[in-house]
PDB file of N, CA and C in Angstrom:
ATOM      1  N   MET A   1      89.572 109.093  96.501  1.00  0.00           N
ATOM      2  CA  MET A   1      89.671 107.723  96.933  1.00  0.00           C
ATOM      3  C   MET A   1      90.871 107.585  97.851  1.00  0.00           C
ATOM      4  N   THR A   2      90.702 106.827  98.916  1.00  0.00           N
ATOM      5  CA  THR A   2      91.801 106.564  99.831  1.00  0.00           C
ATOM      6  C   THR A   2      91.899 105.072 100.105  1.00  0.00           C
ATOM      7  N   LEU A   3      93.102 104.615 100.304  1.00  0.00           N
ATOM      8  CA  LEU A   3      93.304 103.219 100.661  1.00  0.00           C
ATOM      9  C   LEU A   3      93.316 103.037 102.171  1.00  0.00           C
ATOM     10  N   ALA A   4      93.293 104.152 102.898  1.00  0.00           N
ATOM     11  CA  ALA A   4      93.322 104.070 104.352  1.00  0.00           C
ATOM     12  C   ALA A   4      91.958 103.625 104.886  1.00  0.00           C
ATOM     13  N   PRO A   5      91.958 102.766 105.899  1.00  0.00           N
ATOM     14  CA  PRO A   5      90.691 102.324 106.475  1.00  0.00           C
ATOM     15  C   PRO A   5      90.032 103.461 107.240  1.00  0.00           C
ATOM     16  N   PRO A   6      88.704 103.528 107.237  1.00  0.00           N
ATOM     17  CA  PRO A   6      88.008 104.559 107.998  1.00  0.00           C
ATOM     18  C   PRO A   6      88.322 104.433 109.491  1.00  0.00           C
ATOM     19  N   HIS A   7      88.316 105.559 110.178  1.00  0.00           N
ATOM     20  CA  HIS A   7      88.571 105.561 111.618  1.00  0.00           C
ATOM     21  C   HIS A   7      87.564 104.645 112.317  1.00  0.00           C
ATOM     22  N   GLY A   8      88.056 103.826 113.213  1.00  0.00           N
ATOM     23  CA  GLY A   8      87.184 102.938 113.971  1.00  0.00           C
ATOM     24  C   GLY A   8      86.822 101.652 113.254  1.00  0.00           C
ATOM     25  N   LEU A   9      87.399 101.431 112.086  1.00  0.00           N
ATOM     26  CA  LEU A   9      87.064 100.234 111.318  1.00  0.00           C
ATOM     27  C   LEU A   9      87.478  98.961 112.054  1.00  0.00           C
ATOM     28  N   PHE A  10      88.694  98.965 112.559  1.00  0.00           N
ATOM     29  CA  PHE A  10      89.199  97.775 113.232  1.00  0.00           C
ATOM     30  C   PHE A  10      88.899  97.860 114.719  1.00  0.00           C
ATOM     31  N   THR A  11      88.395  96.809 115.261  1.00  0.00           N
ATOM     32  CA  THR A  11      88.189  96.715 116.699  1.00  0.00           C
ATOM     33  C   THR A  11      88.941  95.493 117.189  1.00  0.00           C
ATOM     34  N   ALA A  12      88.946  95.288 118.477  1.00  0.00           N
ATOM     35  CA  ALA A  12      89.658  94.145 119.040  1.00  0.00           C
ATOM     36  C   ALA A  12      89.053  92.821 118.586  1.00  0.00           C
ATOM     37  N   ARG A  13      87.799  92.803 118.189  1.00  0.00           N
ATOM     38  CA  ARG A  13      87.132  91.537 117.889  1.00  0.00           C
ATOM     39  C   ARG A  13      86.702  91.348 116.439  1.00  0.00           C
ATOM     40  N   THR A  14      86.633  92.411 115.679  1.00  0.00           N
ATOM     41  CA  THR A  14      86.048  92.244 114.351  1.00  0.00           C
ATOM     42  C   THR A  14      86.631  93.222 113.342  1.00  0.00           C
ATOM     43  N   TRP A  15      86.464  92.873 112.112  1.00  0.00           N
ATOM     44  CA  TRP A  15      86.786  93.748 110.997  1.00  0.00           C
ATOM     45  C   TRP A  15      85.464  93.936 110.288  1.00  0.00           C
ATOM     46  N   ARG A  16      84.915  95.123 110.356  1.00  0.00           N
ATOM     47  CA  ARG A  16      83.540  95.334 109.946  1.00  0.00           C
ATOM     48  C   ARG A  16      83.335  95.719 108.487  1.00  0.00           C
ATOM     49  N   PHE A  17      84.369  96.097 107.798  1.00  0.00           N
ATOM     50  CA  PHE A  17      84.178  96.595 106.440  1.00  0.00           C
ATOM     51  C   PHE A  17      85.409  96.282 105.609  1.00  0.00           C
ATOM     52  N   PRO A  18      85.247  95.757 104.411  1.00  0.00           N
ATOM     53  CA  PRO A  18      86.426  95.460 103.590  1.00  0.00           C
ATOM     54  C   PRO A  18      87.100  96.744 103.091  1.00  0.00           C
ATOM     55  N   VAL A  19      88.411  96.713 103.077  1.00  0.00           N
ATOM     56  CA  VAL A  19      89.216  97.844 102.632  1.00  0.00           C
ATOM     57  C   VAL A  19      90.160  97.340 101.546  1.00  0.00           C
ATOM     58  N   ALA A  20      90.333  98.112 100.491  1.00  0.00           N
ATOM     59  CA  ALA A  20      91.266  97.728  99.437  1.00  0.00           C
ATOM     60  C   ALA A  20      92.678  97.622 100.014  1.00  0.00           C
ATOM     61  N   SER A  21      93.410  96.650  99.536  1.00  0.00           N
ATOM     62  CA  SER A  21      94.773  96.408 100.007  1.00  0.00           C
ATOM     63  C   SER A  21      95.753  96.647  98.866  1.00  0.00           C
ATOM     64  N   PRO A  22      96.826  97.400  99.108  1.00  0.00           N
ATOM     65  CA  PRO A  22      97.820  97.598  98.048  1.00  0.00           C
ATOM     66  C   PRO A  22      98.368  96.281  97.498  1.00  0.00           C
ATOM     67  N   ALA A  23      98.591  95.297  98.359  1.00  0.00           N
ATOM     68  CA  ALA A  23      99.104  93.996  97.887  1.00  0.00           C
ATOM     69  C   ALA A  23      98.087  93.310  96.986  1.00  0.00           C
ATOM     70  N   ARG A  24      96.812  93.372  97.344  1.00  0.00           N
ATOM     71  CA  ARG A  24      95.783  92.731  96.511  1.00  0.00           C
ATOM     72  C   ARG A  24      95.544  93.516  95.231  1.00  0.00           C
ATOM     73  N   ILE A  25      95.689  94.843  95.279  1.00  0.00           N
ATOM     74  CA  ILE A  25      95.572  95.662  94.064  1.00  0.00           C
ATOM     75  C   ILE A  25      96.680  95.266  93.092  1.00  0.00           C
ATOM     76  N   HIS A  26      97.881  95.117  93.612  1.00  0.00           N
ATOM     77  CA  HIS A  26      99.015  94.695  92.791  1.00  0.00           C
ATOM     78  C   HIS A  26      98.743  93.318  92.198  1.00  0.00           C
ATOM     79  N   ASN A  27      98.204  92.422  93.002  1.00  0.00           N
ATOM     80  CA  ASN A  27      97.859  91.079  92.534  1.00  0.00           C
ATOM     81  C   ASN A  27      96.835  91.158  91.399  1.00  0.00           C
ATOM     82  N   ALA A  28      95.842  92.014  91.557  1.00  0.00           N
ATOM     83  CA  ALA A  28      94.812  92.175  90.523  1.00  0.00           C
ATOM     84  C   ALA A  28      95.414  92.712  89.224  1.00  0.00           C
ATOM     85  N   ALA A  29      96.369  93.605  89.336  1.00  0.00           N
ATOM     86  CA  ALA A  29      97.004  94.183  88.144  1.00  0.00           C
ATOM     87  C   ALA A  29      97.725  93.126  87.323  1.00  0.00           C
ATOM     88  N   HIS A  30      98.142  92.058  87.991  1.00  0.00           N
ATOM     89  CA  HIS A  30      98.860  90.987  87.304  1.00  0.00           C
ATOM     90  C   HIS A  30      97.973  89.801  86.979  1.00  0.00           C
ATOM     91  N   GLY A  31      96.675  89.968  87.145  1.00  0.00           N
ATOM     92  CA  GLY A  31      95.757  88.886  86.800  1.00  0.00           C
ATOM     93  C   GLY A  31      95.703  87.775  87.822  1.00  0.00           C
ATOM     94  N   GLY A  32      96.122  88.082  89.040  1.00  0.00           N
ATOM     95  CA  GLY A  32      96.107  87.064  90.093  1.00  0.00           C
ATOM     96  C   GLY A  32      94.703  86.782  90.609  1.00  0.00           C
ATOM     97  N   THR A  33      94.628  85.826  91.502  1.00  0.00           N
ATOM     98  CA  THR A  33      93.336  85.434  92.065  1.00  0.00           C
ATOM     99  C   THR A  33      93.202  85.788  93.542  1.00  0.00           C
ATOM    100  N   ASP A  34      94.246  86.381  94.126  1.00  0.00           N
ATOM    101  CA  ASP A  34      94.220  86.734  95.539  1.00  0.00           C
ATOM    102  C   ASP A  34      93.796  88.185  95.725  1.00  0.00           C
ATOM    103  N   ASN A  35      92.625  88.528  95.210  1.00  0.00           N
ATOM    104  CA  ASN A  35      92.095  89.881  95.341  1.00  0.00           C
ATOM    105  C   ASN A  35      90.573  89.818  95.323  1.00  0.00           C
ATOM    106  N   TYR A  36      89.972  90.931  95.707  1.00  0.00           N
ATOM    107  CA  TYR A  36      88.513  91.015  95.780  1.00  0.00           C
ATOM    108  C   TYR A  36      88.008  92.086  94.820  1.00  0.00           C
ATOM    109  N   GLN A  37      86.713  92.104  94.635  1.00  0.00           N
ATOM    110  CA  GLN A  37      86.087  93.104  93.768  1.00  0.00           C
ATOM    111  C   GLN A  37      86.488  94.522  94.194  1.00  0.00           C
ATOM    112  N   LEU A  38      86.544  94.762  95.489  1.00  0.00           N
ATOM    113  CA  LEU A  38      86.932  96.067  96.009  1.00  0.00           C
ATOM    114  C   LEU A  38      88.334  96.447  95.536  1.00  0.00           C
ATOM    115  N   ASP A  39      89.245  95.485  95.500  1.00  0.00           N
ATOM    116  CA  ASP A  39      90.607  95.746  95.033  1.00  0.00           C
ATOM    117  C   ASP A  39      90.631  96.041  93.538  1.00  0.00           C
ATOM    118  N   ARG A  40      89.839  95.300  92.779  1.00  0.00           N
ATOM    119  CA  ARG A  40      89.769  95.537  91.328  1.00  0.00           C
ATOM    120  C   ARG A  40      89.149  96.899  91.031  1.00  0.00           C
ATOM    121  N   GLU A  41      88.183  97.306  91.826  1.00  0.00           N
ATOM    122  CA  GLU A  41      87.587  98.637  91.661  1.00  0.00           C
ATOM    123  C   GLU A  41      88.598  99.726  92.001  1.00  0.00           C
ATOM    124  N   ALA A  42      89.381  99.509  93.043  1.00  0.00           N
ATOM    125  CA  ALA A  42      90.422 100.481  93.401  1.00  0.00           C
ATOM    126  C   ALA A  42      91.457 100.577  92.286  1.00  0.00           C
ATOM    127  N   LEU A  43      91.837  99.439  91.698  1.00  0.00           N
ATOM    128  CA  LEU A  43      92.778  99.443  90.578  1.00  0.00           C
ATOM    129  C   LEU A  43      92.202 100.226  89.399  1.00  0.00           C
ATOM    130  N   ALA A  44      90.939 100.008  89.102  1.00  0.00           N
ATOM    131  CA  ALA A  44      90.294 100.739  88.005  1.00  0.00           C
ATOM    132  C   ALA A  44      90.287 102.243  88.287  1.00  0.00           C
ATOM    133  N   ALA A  45      90.035 102.620  89.537  1.00  0.00           N
ATOM    134  CA  ALA A  45      90.036 104.042  89.902  1.00  0.00           C
ATOM    135  C   ALA A  45      91.448 104.624  89.784  1.00  0.00           C
ATOM    136  N   LEU A  46      92.449 103.866  90.196  1.00  0.00           N
ATOM    137  CA  LEU A  46      93.828 104.330  90.058  1.00  0.00           C
ATOM    138  C   LEU A  46      94.204 104.478  88.588  1.00  0.00           C
ATOM    139  N   GLU A  47      93.777 103.526  87.777  1.00  0.00           N
ATOM    140  CA  GLU A  47      94.056 103.576  86.340  1.00  0.00           C
ATOM    141  C   GLU A  47      93.378 104.775  85.695  1.00  0.00           C
ATOM    142  N   GLN A  48      92.177 105.093  86.149  1.00  0.00           N
ATOM    143  CA  GLN A  48      91.463 106.251  85.594  1.00  0.00           C
ATOM    144  C   GLN A  48      92.144 107.558  86.008  1.00  0.00           C
ATOM    145  N   THR A  49      92.622 107.597  87.245  1.00  0.00           N
ATOM    146  CA  THR A  49      93.292 108.788  87.747  1.00  0.00           C
ATOM    147  C   THR A  49      94.676 108.954  87.134  1.00  0.00           C
ATOM    148  N   ALA A  50      95.381 107.828  86.992  1.00  0.00           N
ATOM    149  CA  ALA A  50      96.741 107.845  86.454  1.00  0.00           C
ATOM    150  C   ALA A  50      96.824 106.814  85.332  1.00  0.00           C
ATOM    151  N   PRO A  51      96.413 107.193  84.123  1.00  0.00           N
ATOM    152  CA  PRO A  51      96.463 106.241  83.010  1.00  0.00           C
ATOM    153  C   PRO A  51      97.861 105.641  82.854  1.00  0.00           C
ATOM    154  N   GLY A  52      97.897 104.332  82.687  1.00  0.00           N
ATOM    155  CA  GLY A  52      99.166 103.635  82.567  1.00  0.00           C
ATOM    156  C   GLY A  52      99.637 103.034  83.881  1.00  0.00           C
ATOM    157  N   PHE A  53      98.876 103.241  84.961  1.00  0.00           N
ATOM    158  CA  PHE A  53      99.265 102.734  86.273  1.00  0.00           C
ATOM    159  C   PHE A  53      99.422 101.218  86.267  1.00  0.00           C
ATOM    160  N   THR A  54      98.468 100.513  85.683  1.00  0.00           N
ATOM    161  CA  THR A  54      98.526  99.052  85.637  1.00  0.00           C
ATOM    162  C   THR A  54      99.754  98.599  84.847  1.00  0.00           C
ATOM    163  N   GLU A  55     100.017  99.244  83.738  1.00  0.00           N
ATOM    164  CA  GLU A  55     101.196  98.902  82.933  1.00  0.00           C
ATOM    165  C   GLU A  55     102.481  99.187  83.705  1.00  0.00           C
ATOM    166  N   LEU A  56     102.498 100.243  84.491  1.00  0.00           N
ATOM    167  CA  LEU A  56     103.659 100.550  85.320  1.00  0.00           C
ATOM    168  C   LEU A  56     103.918  99.421  86.322  1.00  0.00           C
ATOM    169  N   LEU A  57     102.864  98.933  86.973  1.00  0.00           N
ATOM    170  CA  LEU A  57     103.031  97.819  87.906  1.00  0.00           C
ATOM    171  C   LEU A  57     103.585  96.589  87.203  1.00  0.00           C
ATOM    172  N   ARG A  58     103.078  96.319  86.028  1.00  0.00           N
ATOM    173  CA  ARG A  58     103.543  95.149  85.275  1.00  0.00           C
ATOM    174  C   ARG A  58     104.994  95.319  84.822  1.00  0.00           C
ATOM    175  N   THR A  59     105.339  96.516  84.396  1.00  0.00           N
ATOM    176  CA  THR A  59     106.696  96.793  83.930  1.00  0.00           C
ATOM    177  C   THR A  59     107.701  96.670  85.060  1.00  0.00           C
ATOM    178  N   THR A  60     107.365  97.190  86.234  1.00  0.00           N
ATOM    179  CA  THR A  60     108.296  97.086  87.357  1.00  0.00           C
ATOM    180  C   THR A  60     108.449  95.630  87.790  1.00  0.00           C
ATOM    181  N   ARG A  61     107.389  94.851  87.679  1.00  0.00           N
ATOM    182  CA  ARG A  61     107.490  93.425  88.013  1.00  0.00           C
ATOM    183  C   ARG A  61     108.379  92.701  87.012  1.00  0.00           C
ATOM    184  N   ASP A  62     108.228  93.019  85.736  1.00  0.00           N
ATOM    185  CA  ASP A  62     109.082  92.414  84.708  1.00  0.00           C
ATOM    186  C   ASP A  62     110.549  92.747  84.972  1.00  0.00           C
ATOM    187  N   TRP A  63     110.826  93.987  85.397  1.00  0.00           N
ATOM    188  CA  TRP A  63     112.187  94.396  85.726  1.00  0.00           C
ATOM    189  C   TRP A  63     112.716  93.561  86.893  1.00  0.00           C
ATOM    190  N   HIS A  64     111.894  93.377  87.915  1.00  0.00           N
ATOM    191  CA  HIS A  64     112.274  92.571  89.075  1.00  0.00           C
ATOM    192  C   HIS A  64     112.659  91.153  88.648  1.00  0.00           C
ATOM    193  N   VAL A  65     111.850  90.554  87.806  1.00  0.00           N
ATOM    194  CA  VAL A  65     112.121  89.194  87.324  1.00  0.00           C
ATOM    195  C   VAL A  65     113.462  89.154  86.590  1.00  0.00           C
ATOM    196  N   ARG A  66     113.713  90.125  85.721  1.00  0.00           N
ATOM    197  CA  ARG A  66     114.975  90.161  84.972  1.00  0.00           C
ATOM    198  C   ARG A  66     116.180  90.324  85.894  1.00  0.00           C
ATOM    199  N   VAL A  67     116.053  91.195  86.903  1.00  0.00           N
ATOM    200  CA  VAL A  67     117.173  91.435  87.822  1.00  0.00           C
ATOM    201  C   VAL A  67     117.487  90.185  88.626  1.00  0.00           C
ATOM    202  N   VAL A  68     116.466  89.543  89.190  1.00  0.00           N
ATOM    203  CA  VAL A  68     116.701  88.331  89.978  1.00  0.00           C
ATOM    204  C   VAL A  68     117.309  87.238  89.097  1.00  0.00           C
ATOM    205  N   ARG A  69     116.795  87.088  87.892  1.00  0.00           N
ATOM    206  CA  ARG A  69     117.343  86.084  86.970  1.00  0.00           C
ATOM    207  C   ARG A  69     118.816  86.377  86.664  1.00  0.00           C
ATOM    208  N   ARG A  70     119.126  87.623  86.389  1.00  0.00           N
ATOM    209  CA  ARG A  70     120.510  88.012  86.068  1.00  0.00           C
ATOM    210  C   ARG A  70     121.438  87.749  87.246  1.00  0.00           C
ATOM    211  N   LEU A  71     121.010  88.121  88.443  1.00  0.00           N
ATOM    212  CA  LEU A  71     121.838  87.901  89.627  1.00  0.00           C
ATOM    213  C   LEU A  71     122.055  86.410  89.871  1.00  0.00           C
ATOM    214  N   ALA A  72     120.986  85.641  89.759  1.00  0.00           N
ATOM    215  CA  ALA A  72     121.084  84.201  90.010  1.00  0.00           C
ATOM    216  C   ALA A  72     121.989  83.512  88.990  1.00  0.00           C
ATOM    217  N   THR A  73     121.889  83.914  87.734  1.00  0.00           N
ATOM    218  CA  THR A  73     122.737  83.292  86.710  1.00  0.00           C
ATOM    219  C   THR A  73     124.178  83.780  86.800  1.00  0.00           C
ATOM    220  N   SER A  74     124.403  84.870  87.526  1.00  0.00           N
ATOM    221  CA  SER A  74     125.764  85.392  87.718  1.00  0.00           C
ATOM    222  C   SER A  74     126.439  84.793  88.948  1.00  0.00           C
ATOM    223  N   GLY A  75     125.742  83.878  89.623  1.00  0.00           N
ATOM    224  CA  GLY A  75     126.350  83.202  90.762  1.00  0.00           C
ATOM    225  C   GLY A  75     125.906  83.708  92.123  1.00  0.00           C
ATOM    226  N   ILE A  76     125.099  84.736  92.165  1.00  0.00           N
ATOM    227  CA  ILE A  76     124.588  85.207  93.456  1.00  0.00           C
ATOM    228  C   ILE A  76     123.684  84.113  94.017  1.00  0.00           C
ATOM    229  N   ASP A  77     123.919  83.754  95.281  1.00  0.00           N
ATOM    230  CA  ASP A  77     123.119  82.666  95.841  1.00  0.00           C
ATOM    231  C   ASP A  77     122.416  83.035  97.150  1.00  0.00           C
ATOM    232  N   GLN A  78     122.457  84.311  97.526  1.00  0.00           N
ATOM    233  CA  GLN A  78     121.723  84.760  98.709  1.00  0.00           C
ATOM    234  C   GLN A  78     120.859  85.953  98.323  1.00  0.00           C
ATOM    235  N   PHE A  79     119.570  85.841  98.613  1.00  0.00           N
ATOM    236  CA  PHE A  79     118.614  86.888  98.275  1.00  0.00           C
ATOM    237  C   PHE A  79     117.820  87.251  99.513  1.00  0.00           C
ATOM    238  N   LEU A  80     117.495  88.526  99.650  1.00  0.00           N
ATOM    239  CA  LEU A  80     116.657  89.019 100.731  1.00  0.00           C
ATOM    240  C   LEU A  80     115.409  89.607 100.097  1.00  0.00           C
ATOM    241  N   ASP A  81     114.264  88.995 100.358  1.00  0.00           N
ATOM    242  CA  ASP A  81     112.995  89.432  99.774  1.00  0.00           C
ATOM    243  C   ASP A  81     112.278  90.313 100.785  1.00  0.00           C
ATOM    244  N   LEU A  82     112.377  91.631 100.586  1.00  0.00           N
ATOM    245  CA  LEU A  82     111.784  92.589 101.521  1.00  0.00           C
ATOM    246  C   LEU A  82     110.333  92.908 101.214  1.00  0.00           C
ATOM    247  N   ALA A  83     109.885  92.624 100.038  1.00  0.00           N
ATOM    248  CA  ALA A  83     108.544  93.002  99.631  1.00  0.00           C
ATOM    249  C   ALA A  83     107.590  91.817  99.651  1.00  0.00           C
ATOM    250  N   ALA A  84     107.870  90.850 100.493  1.00  0.00           N
ATOM    251  CA  ALA A  84     107.025  89.663 100.526  1.00  0.00           C
ATOM    252  C   ALA A  84     105.663  90.029 101.109  1.00  0.00           C
ATOM    253  N   GLY A  85     104.655  89.571 100.464  1.00  0.00           N
ATOM    254  CA  GLY A  85     103.291  89.790 100.914  1.00  0.00           C
ATOM    255  C   GLY A  85     102.470  88.648 100.387  1.00  0.00           C
ATOM    256  N   LEU A  86     101.533  88.945  99.545  1.00  0.00           N
ATOM    257  CA  LEU A  86     100.769  87.895  98.897  1.00  0.00           C
ATOM    258  C   LEU A  86     101.645  87.172  97.882  1.00  0.00           C
ATOM    259  N   PRO A  87     101.404  85.895  97.678  1.00  0.00           N
ATOM    260  CA  PRO A  87     102.109  85.231  96.578  1.00  0.00           C
ATOM    261  C   PRO A  87     101.789  85.966  95.280  1.00  0.00           C
ATOM    262  N   HIS A  88     102.769  86.088  94.448  1.00  0.00           N
ATOM    263  CA  HIS A  88     102.564  86.842  93.210  1.00  0.00           C
ATOM    264  C   HIS A  88     101.833  85.999  92.182  1.00  0.00           C
ATOM    265  N   ALA A  89     101.140  86.668  91.302  1.00  0.00           N
ATOM    266  CA  ALA A  89     100.414  85.965  90.246  1.00  0.00           C
ATOM    267  C   ALA A  89     101.373  85.224  89.317  1.00  0.00           C
ATOM    268  N   ARG A  90     102.570  85.752  89.202  1.00  0.00           N
ATOM    269  CA  ARG A  90     103.593  85.093  88.398  1.00  0.00           C
ATOM    270  C   ARG A  90     104.730  84.688  89.321  1.00  0.00           C
ATOM    271  N   ASP A  91     105.900  84.471  88.768  1.00  0.00           N
ATOM    272  CA  ASP A  91     107.053  84.014  89.542  1.00  0.00           C
ATOM    273  C   ASP A  91     107.315  84.868  90.781  1.00  0.00           C
ATOM    274  N   ASN A  92     107.575  84.187  91.886  1.00  0.00           N
ATOM    275  CA  ASN A  92     108.015  84.841  93.101  1.00  0.00           C
ATOM    276  C   ASN A  92     109.539  84.831  93.118  1.00  0.00           C
ATOM    277  N   THR A  93     110.142  85.696  93.936  1.00  0.00           N
ATOM    278  CA  THR A  93     111.592  85.838  93.966  1.00  0.00           C
ATOM    279  C   THR A  93     112.296  84.496  94.158  1.00  0.00           C
ATOM    280  N   HIS A  94     111.846  83.710  95.112  1.00  0.00           N
ATOM    281  CA  HIS A  94     112.528  82.434  95.372  1.00  0.00           C
ATOM    282  C   HIS A  94     112.403  81.475  94.186  1.00  0.00           C
ATOM    283  N   GLN A  95     111.298  81.514  93.484  1.00  0.00           N
ATOM    284  CA  GLN A  95     111.130  80.633  92.331  1.00  0.00           C
ATOM    285  C   GLN A  95     112.066  81.019  91.194  1.00  0.00           C
ATOM    286  N   ILE A  96     112.181  82.309  90.958  1.00  0.00           N
ATOM    287  CA  ILE A  96     113.062  82.796  89.890  1.00  0.00           C
ATOM    288  C   ILE A  96     114.512  82.448  90.214  1.00  0.00           C
ATOM    289  N   ALA A  97     114.930  82.804  91.428  1.00  0.00           N
ATOM    290  CA  ALA A  97     116.327  82.587  91.822  1.00  0.00           C
ATOM    291  C   ALA A  97     116.681  81.105  91.794  1.00  0.00           C
ATOM    292  N   GLN A  98     115.835  80.266  92.353  1.00  0.00           N
ATOM    293  CA  GLN A  98     116.168  78.847  92.430  1.00  0.00           C
ATOM    294  C   GLN A  98     116.057  78.141  91.085  1.00  0.00           C
ATOM    295  N   ARG A  99     115.282  78.671  90.179  1.00  0.00           N
ATOM    296  CA  ARG A  99     115.220  78.096  88.835  1.00  0.00           C
ATOM    297  C   ARG A  99     116.551  78.278  88.123  1.00  0.00           C
ATOM    298  N   HIS A 100     117.238  79.395  88.405  1.00  0.00           N
ATOM    299  CA  HIS A 100     118.484  79.708  87.711  1.00  0.00           C
ATOM    300  C   HIS A 100     119.730  79.411  88.535  1.00  0.00           C
ATOM    301  N   ASN A 101     119.561  79.141  89.819  1.00  0.00           N
ATOM    302  CA  ASN A 101     120.685  78.810  90.685  1.00  0.00           C
ATOM    303  C   ASN A 101     120.145  77.927  91.812  1.00  0.00           C
ATOM    304  N   ARG A 102     120.348  76.629  91.682  1.00  0.00           N
ATOM    305  CA  ARG A 102     119.792  75.668  92.657  1.00  0.00           C
ATOM    306  C   ARG A 102     120.264  75.929  94.084  1.00  0.00           C
ATOM    307  N   ASP A 103     121.431  76.532  94.240  1.00  0.00           N
ATOM    308  CA  ASP A 103     121.981  76.787  95.563  1.00  0.00           C
ATOM    309  C   ASP A 103     121.453  78.081  96.197  1.00  0.00           C
ATOM    310  N   ALA A 104     120.637  78.811  95.490  1.00  0.00           N
ATOM    311  CA  ALA A 104     120.145  80.094  96.001  1.00  0.00           C
ATOM    312  C   ALA A 104     119.271  79.896  97.233  1.00  0.00           C
ATOM    313  N   THR A 105     119.508  80.754  98.222  1.00  0.00           N
ATOM    314  CA  THR A 105     118.664  80.795  99.411  1.00  0.00           C
ATOM    315  C   THR A 105     118.016  82.167  99.467  1.00  0.00           C
ATOM    316  N   ILE A 106     116.786  82.181  99.924  1.00  0.00           N
ATOM    317  CA  ILE A 106     116.026  83.419  99.970  1.00  0.00           C
ATOM    318  C   ILE A 106     115.498  83.598 101.378  1.00  0.00           C
ATOM    319  N   THR A 107     115.804  84.735 101.983  1.00  0.00           N
ATOM    320  CA  THR A 107     115.258  85.082 103.281  1.00  0.00           C
ATOM    321  C   THR A 107     114.114  86.049 103.030  1.00  0.00           C
ATOM    322  N   VAL A 108     112.959  85.722 103.572  1.00  0.00           N
ATOM    323  CA  VAL A 108     111.767  86.539 103.348  1.00  0.00           C
ATOM    324  C   VAL A 108     111.477  87.350 104.601  1.00  0.00           C
ATOM    325  N   LEU A 109     111.402  88.650 104.440  1.00  0.00           N
ATOM    326  CA  LEU A 109     110.996  89.565 105.504  1.00  0.00           C
ATOM    327  C   LEU A 109     109.752  90.303 105.037  1.00  0.00           C
ATOM    328  N   GLY A 110     108.751  90.307 105.844  1.00  0.00           N
ATOM    329  CA  GLY A 110     107.570  91.070 105.453  1.00  0.00           C
ATOM    330  C   GLY A 110     106.305  90.327 105.619  1.00  0.00           C
TER     331      GLY A 110
END
């Protein structure tokens, strides 16, 4: 299985075939709604190939939430979100930071 689109898939005018997206696969792992059947199938294939893959994605997200919360409650008020893509199924960086530090600003790149 590959996540890379087949050669010639994209043209100047059309996208002819759906391709699984890492961002949507991640969204599916967290129970989000911004994914397609193709993404859920790719997640299932990844889970079959690497048992525990879905739990790993969830665990790393939980770590991210804890780190942002800790930084925000420690007075950090500037955050740079480099992994911005699809809205997350759960808290996004800016939501976590601003919940714990009203003065927090988040610059989103990506």
